Amino acid sequence: MRAPGCDASSGRGKLGLVADPALRPQPARPPAPRPRQRCTHRPAPGILSHGHMERKDFNTWLESLSGVFITLTDAQKNESLDHLISLSGAVQLRHLSNNLETLLKRDFLKLLPLELSFYLLKWLDPPTLLNCCLVCKQWNKVISICTEVWQEACRSLGWQIDDTIEDTLHWKRIYLKAVRRIKQLQDKEAFETSSLIGHSARVYALYYKDGLLCTVFSVDYSDELDTLVSGSADFTVKVWSLSTGICLNTLTEHTEWVTKVVLQVSHVESVMHKPGDYILLSADKYEIKVWPIGREVNCKCLKTLAVSNDRSICLQPRVQFDGKHIVCASDLGLYQWDFASYDIIRVIRTPDSTNLSLLSLGEVFALLFDSRYLYIMDLRTERVVGRWPLPAYRKSKRGSSFLAGETAWLSGLNGKNDSGLVFATSMPDHSIHLVLWRENG
């Protein structure tokens, strides 16, 4: 039985098929292609077809990028750097690895003004400065002309500073010379020895002045005053006329041998003397006596100096007076008196003080000795910085058989005063043993 309106040949309506063509299943169609997106990135002006930018345009782009970069916050700058590194290839990463240290460590000596470079250099110690001089020619040039740095380095070694010298390279050379000299002192290479042979009997006393070494007794003199003074084992000090040889006065307040006499001009003022007055010092085993002396013959003792009132501490047979200070060695060390007030202003404890004798004392160094060595002490640290071996010499109780030579260097080396005689003493074989400065090469 056919359904009404169905065509058997077409099979419409068979098995319940819908006869409406619009309801028939349609074959699957491939998805329509997405519309092609237009590239919005355009090459920057000046980029050629092979991807390179012309130098002029690259510089313009780099300048623009730098202007924006410096306006970013630190976090944004760090993020930008991280991003650029992530985009870098092997060539860029190798370049960064090879030049990172140079990029991070800026050469401040080239970039900073000279005044600021000098200020920074002042914080470095001299050995570090010398190492910095080896970095490059530019560093060596800048560091070498930093006058204040090298002047201070010279002062630290006890070197005298002459501010009138205008040569900017002078003080570095002086410092290097000072280092060599100090090392020679420490290594026992600063001095050399010699002997004067000619006496046929024992030399009892030595005297050195103005570069001349004489064999005389313990004396001092003044050409201006026409006066010579001498100390003796008879406990007296005698005042002589140089021109006539007549004894003008005998000073008799000592109770021990007078081992040292010094005739010097005072450079300070007190209630007892004024600058320009001639002063005589005479020393024995326990006391130092101060006498005024001038064109008048008669004089009275102004002051008696001692380390102990009960004479329990002995003085060494040496005394030094420079017009401002009196210095003498004792069993306890070196004592320094202020000549204006006569007060003890400094006591320097020396090792094995009972055997050490004072030769001379300056503003920077002191020259000491015992039976075996000659010692150089740095007075700023009170430490021995050098020593020199001595032979078995003849050491007299009066302290007149040994003496210091040139002593200007004790107030500071200057590159010229480290020459000539350092020490002299008489020997048992009647010769005179000399210690001399060795040339500082």
Protein backbone atom coordinates (compact mmCIF):
# COMPACT_ATOMS: atom_id res chain seq x y z
CA MET A 1 0.00 0.00 0.00
CA ARG A 2 1.52 3.25 -1.05
CA ALA A 3 1.31 6.34 0.76
CA PRO A 4 -0.59 8.98 -0.89
CA GLY A 5 1.48 11.12 -3.21
CA CYS A 6 4.51 8.80 -3.20
CA ASP A 7 6.35 7.88 -6.34
CA ALA A 8 7.53 4.26 -6.38
CA SER A 9 10.28 4.85 -8.92
CA SER A 10 11.89 7.68 -7.03
CA GLY A 11 11.58 5.99 -3.72
CA ARG A 12 10.43 9.21 -2.15
CA GLY A 13 8.86 8.60 1.15
CA LYS A 14 10.28 5.06 1.34
CA LEU A 15 11.38 3.93 4.75
CA GLY A 16 10.16 7.20 6.10
CA LEU A 17 12.60 9.39 4.12
CA VAL A 18 11.65 12.98 3.95
CA ALA A 19 10.87 14.01 0.51
CA ASP A 20 11.86 17.67 1.02
CA PRO A 21 15.30 18.24 -0.58
CA ALA A 22 16.14 20.87 1.99
CA LEU A 23 15.97 18.21 4.64
CA ARG A 24 18.36 15.83 2.94
CA PRO A 25 21.83 15.38 4.64
CA GLN A 26 24.52 17.43 2.92
CA PRO A 27 28.12 16.21 2.33
CA ALA A 28 30.78 17.68 4.74
CA ARG A 29 32.69 20.69 3.42
CA PRO A 30 36.30 21.54 4.31
CA PRO A 31 36.63 24.55 6.73
CA ALA A 32 36.98 27.84 5.04
CA PRO A 33 40.60 29.20 5.23
CA ARG A 34 41.19 31.94 7.77
CA PRO A 35 41.68 35.34 6.31
CA ARG A 36 45.38 36.08 5.83
CA GLN A 37 46.63 38.53 8.50
CA ARG A 38 48.47 41.55 7.29
CA CYS A 39 51.98 42.01 8.81
CA THR A 40 52.07 45.28 10.69
CA HIS A 41 55.92 45.26 11.32
CA ARG A 42 57.81 47.29 8.84
CA PRO A 43 61.59 47.47 8.63
CA ALA A 44 63.06 50.55 10.21
CA PRO A 45 64.21 53.19 7.84
CA GLY A 46 67.61 52.41 6.46
CA ILE A 47 67.39 48.60 6.83
CA LEU A 48 68.59 47.03 3.63
CA SER A 49 67.18 43.90 2.02
CA HIS A 50 69.77 41.66 3.69
CA GLY A 51 68.79 42.90 7.23
CA HIS A 52 71.65 45.32 8.01
CA MET A 53 71.04 48.89 9.12
CA GLU A 54 73.11 51.72 7.78
CA ARG A 55 75.51 53.22 10.33
CA LYS A 56 73.87 56.63 10.34
CA ASP A 57 70.41 55.19 10.93
CA PHE A 58 71.77 52.73 13.51
CA ASN A 59 73.30 55.56 15.50
CA THR A 60 70.01 57.44 15.40
CA TRP A 61 68.11 54.37 16.57
CA LEU A 62 70.64 53.66 19.33
CA GLU A 63 70.47 57.23 20.56
CA SER A 64 66.69 57.08 20.68
CA LEU A 65 66.78 53.76 22.53
CA SER A 66 69.31 55.15 25.04
CA GLY A 67 67.11 58.17 25.68
CA VAL A 68 64.19 55.92 26.57
CA PHE A 69 66.32 53.47 28.59
CA ILE A 70 67.64 56.07 31.01
CA THR A 71 64.06 57.10 31.87
CA LEU A 72 63.11 53.59 33.04
CA THR A 73 63.08 52.44 36.63
CA ASP A 74 65.80 50.08 37.84
CA ALA A 75 63.40 47.14 37.68
CA GLN A 76 62.43 48.03 34.11
CA LYS A 77 66.09 48.40 33.12
CA ASN A 78 66.87 44.98 34.57
CA GLU A 79 63.92 43.43 32.75
CA SER A 80 65.02 45.06 29.48
CA LEU A 81 68.54 43.66 29.87
CA ASP A 82 67.20 40.19 30.63
CA HIS A 83 65.02 40.37 27.52
CA LEU A 84 67.89 41.45 25.28
CA ILE A 85 70.10 38.68 26.62
CA SER A 86 67.36 36.12 25.92
CA LEU A 87 67.24 37.33 22.30
CA SER A 88 71.02 37.12 21.89
CA GLY A 89 72.73 34.42 19.94
CA ALA A 90 76.07 32.71 20.44
CA VAL A 91 78.05 35.63 18.98
CA GLN A 92 76.44 38.14 21.31
CA LEU A 93 76.80 35.92 24.37
CA ARG A 94 80.49 35.34 23.64
CA HIS A 95 81.01 39.08 23.24
CA LEU A 96 79.27 39.70 26.56
CA SER A 97 81.37 37.07 28.34
CA ASN A 98 84.65 38.45 27.02
CA ASN A 99 83.89 42.08 27.81
CA LEU A 100 81.78 41.86 30.96
CA GLU A 101 84.67 42.67 33.33
CA THR A 102 85.67 45.70 31.25
CA LEU A 103 82.08 46.92 31.13
CA LEU A 104 81.54 46.53 34.88
CA LYS A 105 84.93 47.85 36.13
CA ARG A 106 85.25 51.41 34.89
CA ASP A 107 88.70 53.04 34.75
CA PHE A 108 88.13 55.88 37.23
CA LEU A 109 91.61 57.33 36.65
CA LYS A 110 90.58 58.05 33.05
CA LEU A 111 86.99 59.07 33.69
CA LEU A 112 87.32 61.24 36.83
CA PRO A 113 88.84 64.72 37.02
CA LEU A 114 92.47 64.71 38.17
CA GLU A 115 91.60 66.27 41.54
CA LEU A 116 89.14 63.47 42.37
CA SER A 117 91.63 60.82 41.25
CA PHE A 118 94.24 62.31 43.60
CA TYR A 119 91.74 62.27 46.45
CA LEU A 120 91.02 58.57 45.93
CA LEU A 121 94.71 57.72 45.63
CA LYS A 122 95.37 59.21 49.08
CA TRP A 123 93.49 56.26 50.61
CA LEU A 124 95.96 53.72 49.19
CA ASP A 125 99.17 52.70 50.92
CA PRO A 126 102.48 53.15 49.04
CA PRO A 127 103.03 49.44 48.15
CA THR A 128 99.54 49.34 46.59
CA LEU A 129 100.27 52.55 44.67
CA LEU A 130 103.45 51.01 43.26
CA ASN A 131 101.45 47.98 42.10
CA CYS A 132 98.90 50.30 40.49
CA CYS A 133 101.72 51.98 38.57
CA LEU A 134 102.23 48.67 36.74
CA VAL A 135 98.65 48.55 35.38
CA CYS A 136 99.27 50.79 32.37
CA LYS A 137 101.15 53.90 31.27
CA GLN A 138 98.17 56.15 32.01
CA TRP A 139 97.89 54.92 35.60
CA ASN A 140 101.63 55.24 36.12
CA LYS A 141 101.56 58.82 34.86
CA VAL A 142 98.63 59.91 37.05
CA ILE A 143 99.91 58.18 40.20
CA SER A 144 103.48 59.42 39.77
CA ILE A 145 102.45 63.09 39.64
CA CYS A 146 100.27 62.86 42.77
CA THR A 147 102.70 64.90 44.88
CA GLU A 148 100.86 64.83 48.20
CA VAL A 149 100.61 61.03 48.18
CA TRP A 150 104.35 60.53 47.74
CA GLN A 151 105.27 63.33 50.14
CA GLU A 152 103.21 61.64 52.87
CA ALA A 153 104.79 58.30 51.98
CA CYS A 154 108.24 59.87 52.42
CA ARG A 155 107.23 61.36 55.77
CA SER A 156 106.14 57.91 56.95
CA LEU A 157 109.71 56.71 56.35
CA GLY A 158 111.27 59.62 58.22
CA TRP A 159 112.17 61.63 55.13
CA GLN A 160 112.45 65.42 55.17
CA ILE A 161 109.99 67.27 52.90
CA ASP A 162 110.99 70.39 50.97
CA ASP A 163 107.74 71.96 49.71
CA THR A 164 109.62 74.32 47.39
CA ILE A 165 110.47 71.49 44.98
CA GLU A 166 108.10 71.78 42.01
CA ASP A 167 109.10 68.63 40.12
CA THR A 168 105.97 66.43 40.35
CA LEU A 169 107.94 63.22 39.78
CA HIS A 170 110.57 64.09 42.41
CA TRP A 171 108.81 62.63 45.45
CA LYS A 172 108.09 59.24 43.93
CA ARG A 173 111.80 58.89 43.13
CA ILE A 174 112.68 60.03 46.66
CA TYR A 175 110.24 57.50 48.14
CA LEU A 176 111.78 54.65 46.15
CA LYS A 177 115.23 55.75 47.32
CA ALA A 178 113.99 55.93 50.92
CA VAL A 179 112.54 52.42 50.68
CA ARG A 180 115.88 51.11 49.48
CA ARG A 181 117.72 52.88 52.32
CA ILE A 182 115.33 51.61 55.01
CA LYS A 183 115.62 48.08 53.60
CA GLN A 184 119.40 48.40 53.72
CA LEU A 185 119.17 49.39 57.38
CA GLN A 186 116.99 46.38 58.13
CA ASP A 187 119.22 44.01 56.14
CA LYS A 188 122.47 45.38 57.67
CA GLU A 189 123.61 46.67 54.29
CA ALA A 190 123.41 50.44 54.83
CA PHE A 191 126.91 50.93 56.22
CA GLU A 192 130.48 49.95 55.51
CA THR A 193 133.56 49.98 57.69
CA SER A 194 137.02 51.44 57.48
CA SER A 195 140.02 52.02 59.77
CA LEU A 196 142.42 54.85 60.46
CA ILE A 197 145.87 53.48 61.28
CA GLY A 198 148.83 55.58 62.38
CA HIS A 199 148.86 55.99 66.16
CA SER A 200 151.53 54.08 68.05
CA ALA A 201 149.70 54.21 71.40
CA ARG A 202 146.15 54.05 72.70
CA VAL A 203 143.65 56.67 71.52
CA TYR A 204 141.84 57.89 74.63
CA ALA A 205 139.30 60.29 73.13
CA LEU A 206 137.73 61.33 69.85
CA TYR A 207 136.19 64.61 68.75
CA TYR A 208 134.20 65.27 65.56
CA LYS A 209 133.04 68.60 64.19
CA ASP A 210 132.43 70.07 60.75
CA GLY A 211 133.46 66.87 59.00
CA LEU A 212 136.81 66.53 60.76
CA LEU A 213 137.73 63.72 63.17
CA CYS A 214 140.31 64.58 65.85
CA THR A 215 141.84 62.66 68.74
CA VAL A 216 141.37 65.00 71.69
CA PHE A 217 139.87 64.93 75.18
CA SER A 218 136.22 65.73 76.09
CA VAL A 219 135.96 69.36 75.04
CA ASP A 220 133.75 71.85 73.23
CA TYR A 221 134.42 75.36 72.01
CA SER A 222 133.00 78.52 70.46
CA ASP A 223 134.94 80.67 68.00
CA GLU A 224 132.54 83.55 68.60
CA LEU A 225 133.24 83.53 72.34
CA ASP A 226 136.92 82.67 71.89
CA THR A 227 136.24 80.02 74.53
CA LEU A 228 137.04 76.34 75.02
CA VAL A 229 135.56 74.20 77.83
CA SER A 230 136.85 70.87 79.09
CA GLY A 231 135.72 68.24 81.58
CA SER A 232 138.09 66.20 83.71
CA ALA A 233 138.40 63.27 86.07
CA ASP A 234 139.26 65.77 88.83
CA PHE A 235 135.51 66.61 89.04
CA THR A 236 136.00 70.07 87.49
CA VAL A 237 135.08 71.95 84.33
CA LYS A 238 137.61 74.45 83.05
CA VAL A 239 136.93 77.44 80.80
CA TRP A 240 139.84 78.45 78.54
CA SER A 241 140.64 81.31 76.20
CA LEU A 242 141.19 79.92 72.70
CA SER A 243 143.43 82.74 71.59
CA THR A 244 145.73 82.87 74.64
CA GLY A 245 145.38 79.38 76.13
CA ILE A 246 144.81 80.88 79.59
CA CYS A 247 142.41 79.15 82.01
CA LEU A 248 139.70 81.71 82.73
CA ASN A 249 137.61 79.81 85.24
CA THR A 250 137.23 76.47 87.05
CA LEU A 251 133.75 75.13 87.84
CA THR A 252 133.81 72.86 90.90
CA GLU A 253 130.29 71.65 91.81
CA HIS A 254 130.64 68.10 90.44
CA THR A 255 131.38 65.13 92.72
CA GLU A 256 132.14 62.60 89.95
CA TRP A 257 134.20 62.52 86.77
CA VAL A 258 132.93 65.07 84.26
CA THR A 259 132.38 62.80 81.27
CA LYS A 260 130.81 65.27 78.84
CA VAL A 261 130.75 69.03 78.22
CA VAL A 262 128.53 70.77 75.64
CA LEU A 263 128.66 74.45 74.69
CA GLN A 264 125.51 75.50 72.80
CA VAL A 265 123.26 78.49 72.11
CA SER A 266 119.82 78.43 73.75
CA HIS A 267 116.85 78.58 71.36
CA VAL A 268 114.17 78.98 74.03
CA GLU A 269 113.40 81.41 76.82
CA SER A 270 112.94 80.81 80.55
CA VAL A 271 113.34 82.78 83.77
CA MET A 272 117.04 81.87 83.71
CA HIS A 273 118.01 82.45 80.08
CA LYS A 274 116.75 83.83 76.78
CA PRO A 275 117.25 82.82 73.12
CA GLY A 276 120.77 83.52 71.97
CA ASP A 277 122.44 82.97 75.34
CA TYR A 278 125.37 80.57 75.38
CA ILE A 279 124.79 77.63 77.71
CA LEU A 280 127.31 75.13 79.05
CA LEU A 281 126.21 71.62 80.05
CA SER A 282 128.48 69.36 82.07
CA ALA A 283 127.56 65.78 82.97
CA ASP A 284 128.88 63.22 85.39
CA LYS A 285 127.68 59.77 86.47
CA TYR A 286 124.52 61.04 88.20
CA GLU A 287 123.87 64.69 87.28
CA ILE A 288 123.76 67.21 84.46
CA LYS A 289 124.60 70.78 85.42
CA VAL A 290 123.49 73.85 83.45
CA TRP A 291 125.78 76.88 83.42
CA PRO A 292 125.39 80.30 81.79
CA ILE A 293 128.50 81.31 79.90
CA GLY A 294 129.30 84.37 77.88
CA ARG A 295 131.94 86.98 77.63
CA GLU A 296 131.99 87.30 81.39
CA VAL A 297 134.13 84.70 83.08
CA ASN A 298 132.35 84.08 86.37
CA CYS A 299 129.17 82.00 86.29
CA LYS A 300 127.02 80.02 88.71
CA CYS A 301 125.11 76.78 88.11
CA LEU A 302 121.56 77.53 86.96
CA LYS A 303 120.09 74.05 87.38
CA THR A 304 121.05 70.48 88.25
CA LEU A 305 119.17 67.70 86.42
CA ALA A 306 118.99 64.11 87.65
CA VAL A 307 116.88 61.03 87.03
CA SER A 308 116.72 60.09 90.73
CA ASN A 309 117.31 62.16 93.83
CA ASP A 310 118.98 59.30 95.72
CA ARG A 311 121.44 58.59 92.89
CA SER A 312 120.04 55.10 92.44
CA ILE A 313 119.94 55.51 88.64
CA CYS A 314 123.15 56.15 86.74
CA LEU A 315 123.47 58.29 83.63
CA GLN A 316 125.37 57.00 80.63
CA PRO A 317 128.50 59.01 79.75
CA ARG A 318 126.79 60.92 76.92
CA VAL A 319 124.57 64.01 76.87
CA GLN A 320 123.04 65.92 73.96
CA PHE A 321 121.75 69.49 73.81
CA ASP A 322 120.27 71.17 70.71
CA GLY A 323 119.20 74.45 72.32
CA LYS A 324 115.66 73.18 72.98
CA HIS A 325 116.00 69.78 74.62
CA ILE A 326 118.52 67.91 76.74
CA VAL A 327 118.80 64.18 76.17
CA CYS A 328 120.75 61.58 78.10
CA ALA A 329 120.69 57.80 78.38
CA SER A 330 120.36 56.07 81.74
CA ASP A 331 120.00 52.61 83.21
CA LEU A 332 116.23 52.83 82.56
CA GLY A 333 116.24 54.29 79.04
CA LEU A 334 116.47 57.67 77.32
CA TYR A 335 115.41 60.78 79.22
CA GLN A 336 114.49 64.03 77.47
CA TRP A 337 114.19 67.36 79.30
CA ASP A 338 112.52 70.51 78.02
CA PHE A 339 115.14 73.26 78.30
CA ALA A 340 112.61 76.03 78.93
CA SER A 341 111.01 74.34 81.95
CA TYR A 342 113.65 71.71 82.86
CA ASP A 343 110.81 69.15 83.07
CA ILE A 344 111.22 65.57 81.86
CA ILE A 345 108.93 65.39 78.81
CA ARG A 346 109.76 61.94 77.49
CA VAL A 347 111.19 58.63 78.66
CA ILE A 348 112.01 56.04 75.98
CA ARG A 349 112.36 52.55 77.36
CA THR A 350 115.06 50.75 75.41
CA PRO A 351 115.75 47.01 75.46
CA ASP A 352 118.59 46.13 77.81
CA SER A 353 118.95 49.78 78.84
CA THR A 354 121.85 49.16 81.22
CA ASN A 355 124.13 48.32 78.30
CA LEU A 356 122.80 50.75 75.69
CA SER A 357 124.46 54.12 75.24
CA LEU A 358 123.16 57.15 73.38
CA LEU A 359 125.21 58.44 70.49
CA SER A 360 122.82 61.00 69.11
CA LEU A 361 119.10 61.75 68.94
CA GLY A 362 117.16 63.65 66.27
CA GLU A 363 113.52 64.37 65.59
CA VAL A 364 112.91 61.09 63.76
CA PHE A 365 115.73 58.66 64.60
CA ALA A 366 118.07 57.93 67.49
CA LEU A 367 121.52 56.36 67.21
CA LEU A 368 122.33 53.92 70.04
CA PHE A 369 124.97 51.29 70.61
CA ASP A 370 126.21 48.59 72.97
CA SER A 371 129.23 46.30 72.97
CA ARG A 372 128.03 44.40 69.89
CA TYR A 373 125.84 46.55 67.66
CA LEU A 374 125.05 50.03 66.44
CA TYR A 375 121.25 50.56 66.60
CA ILE A 376 118.91 52.88 64.67
CA MET A 377 115.65 53.55 66.51
CA ASP A 378 112.54 55.14 64.98
CA LEU A 379 111.45 57.59 67.68
CA ARG A 380 107.86 57.68 66.40
CA THR A 381 107.36 54.00 67.18
CA GLU A 382 110.25 53.60 69.65
CA ARG A 383 111.30 50.47 67.77
CA VAL A 384 114.72 49.52 66.42
CA VAL A 385 114.59 49.57 62.61
CA GLY A 386 118.19 48.60 61.91
CA ARG A 387 121.48 47.55 63.47
CA TRP A 388 125.10 47.16 62.43
CA PRO A 389 127.67 44.80 63.99
CA LEU A 390 130.64 46.34 65.80
CA PRO A 391 134.03 44.80 66.57
CA ALA A 392 135.40 44.41 70.09
CA TYR A 393 136.29 48.07 70.58
CA ARG A 394 137.69 49.91 73.60
CA LYS A 395 134.83 51.61 75.46
CA SER A 396 136.03 54.15 77.97
CA LYS A 397 134.12 54.99 81.13
CA ARG A 398 134.23 58.67 80.23
CA GLY A 399 132.48 57.98 76.95
CA SER A 400 135.08 59.90 75.00
CA SER A 401 136.50 57.00 72.99
CA PHE A 402 133.44 56.77 70.72
CA LEU A 403 131.19 59.27 68.96
CA ALA A 404 128.63 59.87 66.24
CA GLY A 405 129.59 61.45 62.94
CA GLU A 406 127.14 63.33 60.74
CA THR A 407 123.80 63.50 62.57
CA ALA A 408 121.54 65.66 60.34
CA TRP A 409 119.87 62.51 58.98
CA LEU A 410 118.52 61.69 62.44
CA SER A 411 115.98 64.51 61.99
CA GLY A 412 114.85 63.05 58.65
CA LEU A 413 116.57 61.63 55.60
CA ASN A 414 116.50 63.80 52.48
CA GLY A 415 118.44 61.78 49.95
CA LYS A 416 121.64 63.78 50.49
CA ASN A 417 122.44 63.62 54.21
CA ASP A 418 122.77 59.82 54.28
CA SER A 419 126.49 60.00 53.56
CA GLY A 420 129.77 60.34 55.39
CA LEU A 421 130.71 59.21 58.89
CA VAL A 422 128.14 57.47 61.13
CA PHE A 423 130.22 56.21 64.06
CA ALA A 424 133.86 56.11 65.18
CA THR A 425 135.61 54.39 68.08
CA SER A 426 139.15 53.64 69.17
CA MET A 427 140.40 50.04 68.96
CA PRO A 428 142.80 48.01 71.16
CA ASP A 429 145.32 47.94 68.29
CA HIS A 430 145.52 51.79 68.47
CA SER A 431 143.50 52.22 65.24
CA ILE A 432 140.21 54.03 64.85
CA HIS A 433 137.25 52.00 63.59
CA LEU A 434 134.85 53.90 61.30
CA VAL A 435 131.28 53.12 60.24
CA LEU A 436 130.32 54.98 57.05
CA TRP A 437 127.19 55.30 54.95
CA ARG A 438 127.26 53.05 51.91
CA GLU A 439 126.19 54.66 48.66
CA ASN A 440 122.45 54.26 48.11
CA GLY A 441 122.21 52.84 44.59
